[in-house]
Amino acid sequence: MTFPMTDREIFARQTIREQANRPHIFVRKLRRRAGTNDAKPTHDAANISSDTFASTHAAAEFALWAGLTLDTLVTLDWQRMGIKTGQEAQAATTAFVKCYKAWTRENDAKSAWIYGIERANTHDGLGYHSHIALHIPGIPAAPFDGELPPINHRKRFRKWIMEYTLRNFGCHIPRAIRVNMRAHQCSFRHWNAVTYLLKGYDLSALVQTGRATVDGCSIYLGDLIPWPYCNPGPVEVTNRIRVCHDLGPARRAIGAPIGMEHLLPTEPNWQVFRIEGYAHLSQAEFEQISWTRPKAKPFVSSWDDGIRDVRGLYCLDFYRFVTRQEPYDLAPDYAAEHDEWIFHQNAMAGMSQNSSNNLLI
């Protein structure tokens, strides 16, 4: 005995079929928590443009290349903390970022972040909240064989952030802070967190016409983001999405974040070859002279290279998780190139690609 398919089953089959026919975009979307923002766009919604997506994606790709995985997602509910206006929410988010940077300095860690501010429609009215994708060093995936165990930065960070309202507002505020992270760094969760900040996108933004696509259909901004549209609300701030300086265009033009110039190629330091400048130096000072210096090598993101294919914009493991299918139509040389790129990402992050469980935000 057969039963007729429900509307949900019919929609799921249609989505699977369309995803197979258009593997270069995200037809299938990830699920969000129940009770999140309205999925219907409004005229006053602060949706991001394709330019904002391009700059944020470039910063996230640059962070992953440098080993600064932004796989820790922090949500700060400013409405529960008594903050009502957009200027106050932005100032409070900036203050939190400063505290986070101070914490990383105290714990000998490198800081990197991208944040987005939204205005949710709750039972108490419109309330501001911030999503922040942070870099917190994770436990090395390789077995430890040294004399001292590695520092568990993520355990320390969770304890520190759960006491944030007590330190700054004088009391513990329930459900004001939510942290989503795992023990190990993961490029898979990196893209999951960063793209979650971009779920309030412009539905009409065209990124590529049908003349340049393989199926003859135009590609819109929402086709490249794995989350369904979520109305960010009328956010009254200048820049709803912000990126730290280390991941900004100035450092991408150099090719490395501050303090990580060892990732750059080197060239001779011609200034130290002046013999007359060594007369006043001792032997110890002479031996400490740097005969080479870093050479700027601008970082070019996949978006700036003209890629509008999600299999080239994200790691392939993330693509498999979202679409539930293999990138079967990749050319062999294209797939090999990106497998090498993913291996470099995971090597910098210090873990394998298999930590891909429980990604529901």
Foldseek 3Di string as FASTA:
>chain_A
DDDDDDPVVVVVVVLLVVCVVVVQFQSFFDDADPPWFDLDADPQFPADAPVVVVQLLLLLLLCLLQLQQLLKKKKAFVVLVVDAALVSQVVVVVVVLVVVCVVCVVVVHDKWKKKFKFWGQDPVGTTIMMIMRIGFAAQFPDDDDDDDHDDQRVVVVVVVVQCVCCVVVVDRGPPRMDMDDDRAGALLSSLLRSLVRNLQHDQPHWDAALVPDPVSHTDHPNRLRRHRHGRRPNRPDDDRMDTDPQSGQVVLQQPGGPPSLVVADKDFPVVVPPVVVCPPPDPVRVVPDDRIDGHGDHHQAPVNVVDSGNPRSGQQLNSCVRSVDHPVPDDPVRVVVSVVVVVSSCVSRNHDNPPNPDSHD
